[in-house]
Amino acid sequence: MKTGVAEALEIASFTKASVRKLMIGGMVETRVAMGCSFSLVLGLGGFDVLDLDTPLLLANDPITGGYRYEGPHLQPWSGPGDMNVETSPNVTTIE
């Protein structure tokens, strides 16, 4: 999420009040960022277009759990704490 949560809420509220279509998406983020965006979708509603598939473009996704893809549909996570980060030999970490 490039803007931050508060700013995203403000943009969504302004767009809804202006009777415009609302889209949310990302540019090569993991499911952590996309999960935050999906939380906005679930909490606010009224989004016309969702483009939250960028984790599918990652060669190695270090995130497990969280929301899941079922064909073209997104399904929410099972509950709090459902998302984890796993270390992998294919993921570069900075210490």
N, C-alpha and C. Protein backbone atom coordinates (compact mmCIF):
# COMPACT_ATOMS: atom_id res chain seq x y z
N MET A 1 0.85 -1.16 0.00
CA MET A 1 0.00 0.00 0.00
C MET A 1 0.90 1.23 0.00
N LYS A 2 0.85 1.97 -1.06
CA LYS A 2 1.75 3.11 -1.24
C LYS A 2 1.38 4.32 -0.39
N THR A 3 0.10 4.52 -0.14
CA THR A 3 -0.34 5.74 0.52
C THR A 3 -0.34 5.66 2.03
N GLY A 4 -0.49 4.49 2.57
CA GLY A 4 -0.73 4.32 4.00
C GLY A 4 -2.22 4.11 4.22
N VAL A 5 -2.56 3.54 5.35
CA VAL A 5 -3.95 3.15 5.61
C VAL A 5 -4.87 4.37 5.72
N ALA A 6 -4.47 5.37 6.51
CA ALA A 6 -5.34 6.55 6.70
C ALA A 6 -5.60 7.26 5.38
N GLU A 7 -4.56 7.40 4.57
CA GLU A 7 -4.71 8.07 3.28
C GLU A 7 -5.58 7.25 2.32
N ALA A 8 -5.42 5.93 2.36
CA ALA A 8 -6.25 5.06 1.51
C ALA A 8 -7.72 5.17 1.90
N LEU A 9 -8.00 5.25 3.20
CA LEU A 9 -9.38 5.44 3.65
C LEU A 9 -9.94 6.77 3.16
N GLU A 10 -9.11 7.81 3.22
CA GLU A 10 -9.55 9.14 2.75
C GLU A 10 -9.84 9.12 1.25
N ILE A 11 -8.97 8.50 0.48
CA ILE A 11 -9.17 8.40 -0.97
C ILE A 11 -10.44 7.63 -1.28
N ALA A 12 -10.64 6.51 -0.59
CA ALA A 12 -11.85 5.70 -0.82
C ALA A 12 -13.11 6.49 -0.46
N SER A 13 -13.09 7.20 0.65
CA SER A 13 -14.27 7.99 1.06
C SER A 13 -14.56 9.09 0.06
N PHE A 14 -13.52 9.78 -0.40
CA PHE A 14 -13.70 10.85 -1.39
C PHE A 14 -14.27 10.29 -2.69
N THR A 15 -13.71 9.16 -3.13
CA THR A 15 -14.15 8.55 -4.38
C THR A 15 -15.60 8.11 -4.30
N LYS A 16 -15.98 7.48 -3.19
CA LYS A 16 -17.38 7.05 -3.01
C LYS A 16 -18.32 8.25 -2.99
N ALA A 17 -17.92 9.32 -2.29
CA ALA A 17 -18.76 10.53 -2.21
C ALA A 17 -18.89 11.21 -3.56
N SER A 18 -17.89 11.03 -4.42
CA SER A 18 -17.92 11.62 -5.76
C SER A 18 -18.63 10.74 -6.77
N VAL A 19 -19.18 9.64 -6.31
CA VAL A 19 -19.89 8.66 -7.14
C VAL A 19 -19.01 8.23 -8.32
N ARG A 20 -17.80 7.87 -8.00
CA ARG A 20 -16.85 7.36 -8.99
C ARG A 20 -16.59 5.89 -8.70
N LYS A 21 -16.07 5.19 -9.71
CA LYS A 21 -15.70 3.80 -9.50
C LYS A 21 -14.41 3.74 -8.69
N LEU A 22 -14.31 2.70 -7.88
CA LEU A 22 -13.19 2.57 -6.97
C LEU A 22 -12.42 1.29 -7.28
N MET A 23 -11.09 1.43 -7.43
CA MET A 23 -10.22 0.30 -7.71
C MET A 23 -9.11 0.27 -6.68
N ILE A 24 -8.64 -0.92 -6.38
CA ILE A 24 -7.48 -1.06 -5.50
C ILE A 24 -6.56 -2.10 -6.12
N GLY A 25 -5.25 -1.83 -6.06
CA GLY A 25 -4.29 -2.75 -6.66
C GLY A 25 -2.91 -2.55 -6.08
N GLY A 26 -1.94 -3.15 -6.71
CA GLY A 26 -0.57 -3.05 -6.21
C GLY A 26 0.43 -3.30 -7.32
N MET A 27 1.70 -3.10 -6.99
CA MET A 27 2.79 -3.30 -7.94
C MET A 27 3.87 -4.15 -7.29
N VAL A 28 3.79 -5.44 -7.42
CA VAL A 28 4.78 -6.40 -6.95
C VAL A 28 5.01 -6.31 -5.43
N GLU A 29 3.93 -6.45 -4.68
CA GLU A 29 4.03 -6.57 -3.23
C GLU A 29 3.73 -8.01 -2.82
N THR A 30 4.17 -8.36 -1.63
CA THR A 30 3.84 -9.67 -1.08
C THR A 30 2.41 -9.65 -0.55
N ARG A 31 1.97 -10.77 -0.04
CA ARG A 31 0.62 -10.85 0.52
C ARG A 31 0.46 -10.03 1.80
N VAL A 32 1.54 -9.55 2.39
CA VAL A 32 1.41 -8.67 3.56
C VAL A 32 0.73 -7.38 3.13
N ALA A 33 1.28 -6.71 2.11
CA ALA A 33 0.69 -5.46 1.61
C ALA A 33 -0.67 -5.72 0.96
N MET A 34 -0.77 -6.78 0.18
CA MET A 34 -2.04 -7.07 -0.48
C MET A 34 -3.10 -7.45 0.55
N GLY A 35 -2.69 -8.08 1.64
CA GLY A 35 -3.63 -8.41 2.71
C GLY A 35 -4.20 -7.16 3.35
N CYS A 36 -3.38 -6.13 3.49
CA CYS A 36 -3.86 -4.86 4.02
C CYS A 36 -4.87 -4.25 3.06
N SER A 37 -4.58 -4.29 1.78
CA SER A 37 -5.51 -3.78 0.77
C SER A 37 -6.81 -4.57 0.78
N PHE A 38 -6.70 -5.89 0.88
CA PHE A 38 -7.90 -6.74 0.91
C PHE A 38 -8.72 -6.46 2.16
N SER A 39 -8.06 -6.13 3.27
CA SER A 39 -8.78 -5.75 4.49
C SER A 39 -9.63 -4.50 4.26
N LEU A 40 -9.08 -3.54 3.51
CA LEU A 40 -9.86 -2.34 3.18
C LEU A 40 -11.08 -2.71 2.34
N VAL A 41 -10.88 -3.60 1.38
CA VAL A 41 -11.99 -4.05 0.53
C VAL A 41 -13.08 -4.68 1.38
N LEU A 42 -12.69 -5.57 2.27
CA LEU A 42 -13.67 -6.26 3.12
C LEU A 42 -14.35 -5.31 4.09
N GLY A 43 -13.59 -4.36 4.63
CA GLY A 43 -14.14 -3.45 5.63
C GLY A 43 -14.99 -2.33 5.06
N LEU A 44 -14.59 -1.79 3.92
CA LEU A 44 -15.29 -0.65 3.34
C LEU A 44 -16.35 -1.04 2.33
N GLY A 45 -16.06 -2.08 1.54
CA GLY A 45 -16.96 -2.45 0.45
C GLY A 45 -16.97 -1.36 -0.61
N GLY A 46 -17.72 -1.59 -1.66
CA GLY A 46 -17.88 -0.59 -2.71
C GLY A 46 -16.77 -0.52 -3.74
N PHE A 47 -15.84 -1.46 -3.71
CA PHE A 47 -14.78 -1.46 -4.71
C PHE A 47 -15.28 -2.14 -5.98
N ASP A 48 -15.04 -1.50 -7.12
CA ASP A 48 -15.50 -2.03 -8.40
C ASP A 48 -14.48 -2.97 -9.03
N VAL A 49 -13.20 -2.71 -8.81
CA VAL A 49 -12.13 -3.50 -9.42
C VAL A 49 -11.08 -3.81 -8.36
N LEU A 50 -10.70 -5.08 -8.28
CA LEU A 50 -9.61 -5.51 -7.40
C LEU A 50 -8.49 -6.06 -8.26
N ASP A 51 -7.28 -5.57 -8.05
CA ASP A 51 -6.10 -6.08 -8.75
C ASP A 51 -5.07 -6.43 -7.68
N LEU A 52 -5.34 -7.50 -6.97
CA LEU A 52 -4.50 -7.89 -5.83
C LEU A 52 -3.77 -9.20 -6.10
N ASP A 53 -3.34 -9.38 -7.34
CA ASP A 53 -2.70 -10.64 -7.71
C ASP A 53 -1.18 -10.56 -7.77
N THR A 54 -0.59 -9.44 -7.36
CA THR A 54 0.85 -9.30 -7.53
C THR A 54 1.68 -10.36 -6.80
N PRO A 55 1.24 -10.92 -5.66
CA PRO A 55 2.05 -11.99 -5.06
C PRO A 55 2.22 -13.20 -5.98
N LEU A 56 1.30 -13.38 -6.91
CA LEU A 56 1.41 -14.51 -7.84
C LEU A 56 2.57 -14.32 -8.81
N LEU A 57 3.06 -13.09 -8.94
CA LEU A 57 4.15 -12.80 -9.86
C LEU A 57 5.53 -13.00 -9.22
N LEU A 58 5.56 -13.19 -7.91
CA LEU A 58 6.84 -13.36 -7.21
C LEU A 58 7.40 -14.76 -7.44
N ALA A 59 8.69 -14.83 -7.71
CA ALA A 59 9.32 -16.14 -7.89
C ALA A 59 9.29 -16.94 -6.59
N ASN A 60 9.50 -16.26 -5.47
CA ASN A 60 9.48 -16.91 -4.15
C ASN A 60 8.67 -16.03 -3.21
N ASP A 61 7.58 -16.54 -2.74
CA ASP A 61 6.74 -15.79 -1.80
C ASP A 61 7.03 -16.29 -0.39
N PRO A 62 7.65 -15.45 0.45
CA PRO A 62 8.00 -15.90 1.80
C PRO A 62 6.82 -15.90 2.77
N ILE A 63 5.65 -15.54 2.31
CA ILE A 63 4.47 -15.43 3.17
C ILE A 63 3.62 -16.68 3.05
N THR A 64 3.22 -17.22 4.18
CA THR A 64 2.27 -18.34 4.18
C THR A 64 1.03 -17.91 4.93
N GLY A 65 -0.08 -18.53 4.60
CA GLY A 65 -1.34 -18.16 5.24
C GLY A 65 -1.90 -16.90 4.64
N GLY A 66 -2.79 -16.26 5.38
CA GLY A 66 -3.42 -15.05 4.86
C GLY A 66 -4.53 -15.39 3.89
N TYR A 67 -4.91 -14.40 3.09
CA TYR A 67 -5.97 -14.65 2.12
C TYR A 67 -5.48 -15.64 1.08
N ARG A 68 -6.41 -16.21 0.34
CA ARG A 68 -6.02 -17.20 -0.67
C ARG A 68 -6.80 -16.95 -1.95
N TYR A 69 -6.24 -17.44 -3.02
CA TYR A 69 -6.87 -17.33 -4.33
C TYR A 69 -7.62 -18.61 -4.63
N GLU A 70 -8.83 -18.48 -5.09
CA GLU A 70 -9.60 -19.62 -5.61
C GLU A 70 -10.08 -19.21 -6.99
N GLY A 71 -9.27 -19.56 -7.99
CA GLY A 71 -9.55 -19.09 -9.34
C GLY A 71 -9.45 -17.57 -9.35
N PRO A 72 -10.44 -16.90 -9.93
CA PRO A 72 -10.40 -15.43 -9.97
C PRO A 72 -10.92 -14.76 -8.70
N HIS A 73 -11.22 -15.54 -7.69
CA HIS A 73 -11.81 -14.99 -6.45
C HIS A 73 -10.80 -15.00 -5.30
N LEU A 74 -10.92 -14.01 -4.43
CA LEU A 74 -10.12 -13.95 -3.21
C LEU A 74 -10.97 -14.40 -2.04
N GLN A 75 -10.38 -15.21 -1.19
CA GLN A 75 -11.06 -15.69 0.02
C GLN A 75 -10.30 -15.16 1.23
N PRO A 76 -11.02 -14.64 2.23
CA PRO A 76 -10.33 -14.10 3.41
C PRO A 76 -9.64 -15.17 4.24
N TRP A 77 -8.75 -14.74 5.09
CA TRP A 77 -8.02 -15.62 5.99
C TRP A 77 -8.96 -16.20 7.02
N SER A 78 -8.47 -17.20 7.74
CA SER A 78 -9.33 -17.91 8.69
C SER A 78 -9.47 -17.17 10.02
N GLY A 79 -8.56 -16.29 10.35
CA GLY A 79 -8.67 -15.55 11.60
C GLY A 79 -7.39 -14.80 11.90
N PRO A 80 -7.33 -14.10 13.03
CA PRO A 80 -6.12 -13.36 13.41
C PRO A 80 -4.91 -14.29 13.51
N GLY A 81 -3.78 -13.79 13.08
CA GLY A 81 -2.55 -14.58 13.18
C GLY A 81 -2.41 -15.66 12.15
N ASP A 82 -3.20 -15.59 11.08
CA ASP A 82 -3.18 -16.63 10.05
C ASP A 82 -2.05 -16.43 9.03
N MET A 83 -1.34 -15.31 9.08
CA MET A 83 -0.29 -15.04 8.11
C MET A 83 1.07 -15.17 8.78
N ASN A 84 2.00 -15.85 8.11
CA ASN A 84 3.34 -16.06 8.66
C ASN A 84 4.39 -15.74 7.61
N VAL A 85 5.59 -15.43 8.07
CA VAL A 85 6.73 -15.23 7.19
C VAL A 85 7.68 -16.39 7.43
N GLU A 86 8.04 -17.06 6.35
CA GLU A 86 8.98 -18.17 6.45
C GLU A 86 10.28 -17.78 5.76
N THR A 87 11.38 -18.12 6.38
CA THR A 87 12.66 -17.89 5.72
C THR A 87 12.88 -18.98 4.69
N SER A 88 13.59 -18.64 3.66
CA SER A 88 13.83 -19.57 2.57
C SER A 88 15.24 -19.32 2.04
N PRO A 89 15.92 -20.35 1.58
CA PRO A 89 17.25 -20.12 1.01
C PRO A 89 17.19 -19.29 -0.27
N ASN A 90 16.00 -19.17 -0.87
CA ASN A 90 15.85 -18.41 -2.11
C ASN A 90 15.47 -16.96 -1.88
N VAL A 91 15.33 -16.55 -0.61
CA VAL A 91 14.93 -15.19 -0.30
C VAL A 91 16.11 -14.47 0.34
N THR A 92 16.46 -13.32 -0.20
CA THR A 92 17.56 -12.54 0.34
C THR A 92 17.09 -11.74 1.54
N THR A 93 17.81 -11.82 2.64
CA THR A 93 17.48 -11.03 3.82
C THR A 93 18.62 -10.05 4.09
N ILE A 94 18.27 -8.91 4.63
CA ILE A 94 19.26 -7.90 4.98
C ILE A 94 19.30 -7.81 6.50
N GLU A 95 20.48 -7.94 7.05
CA GLU A 95 20.62 -7.88 8.52
C GLU A 95 21.38 -6.66 8.93
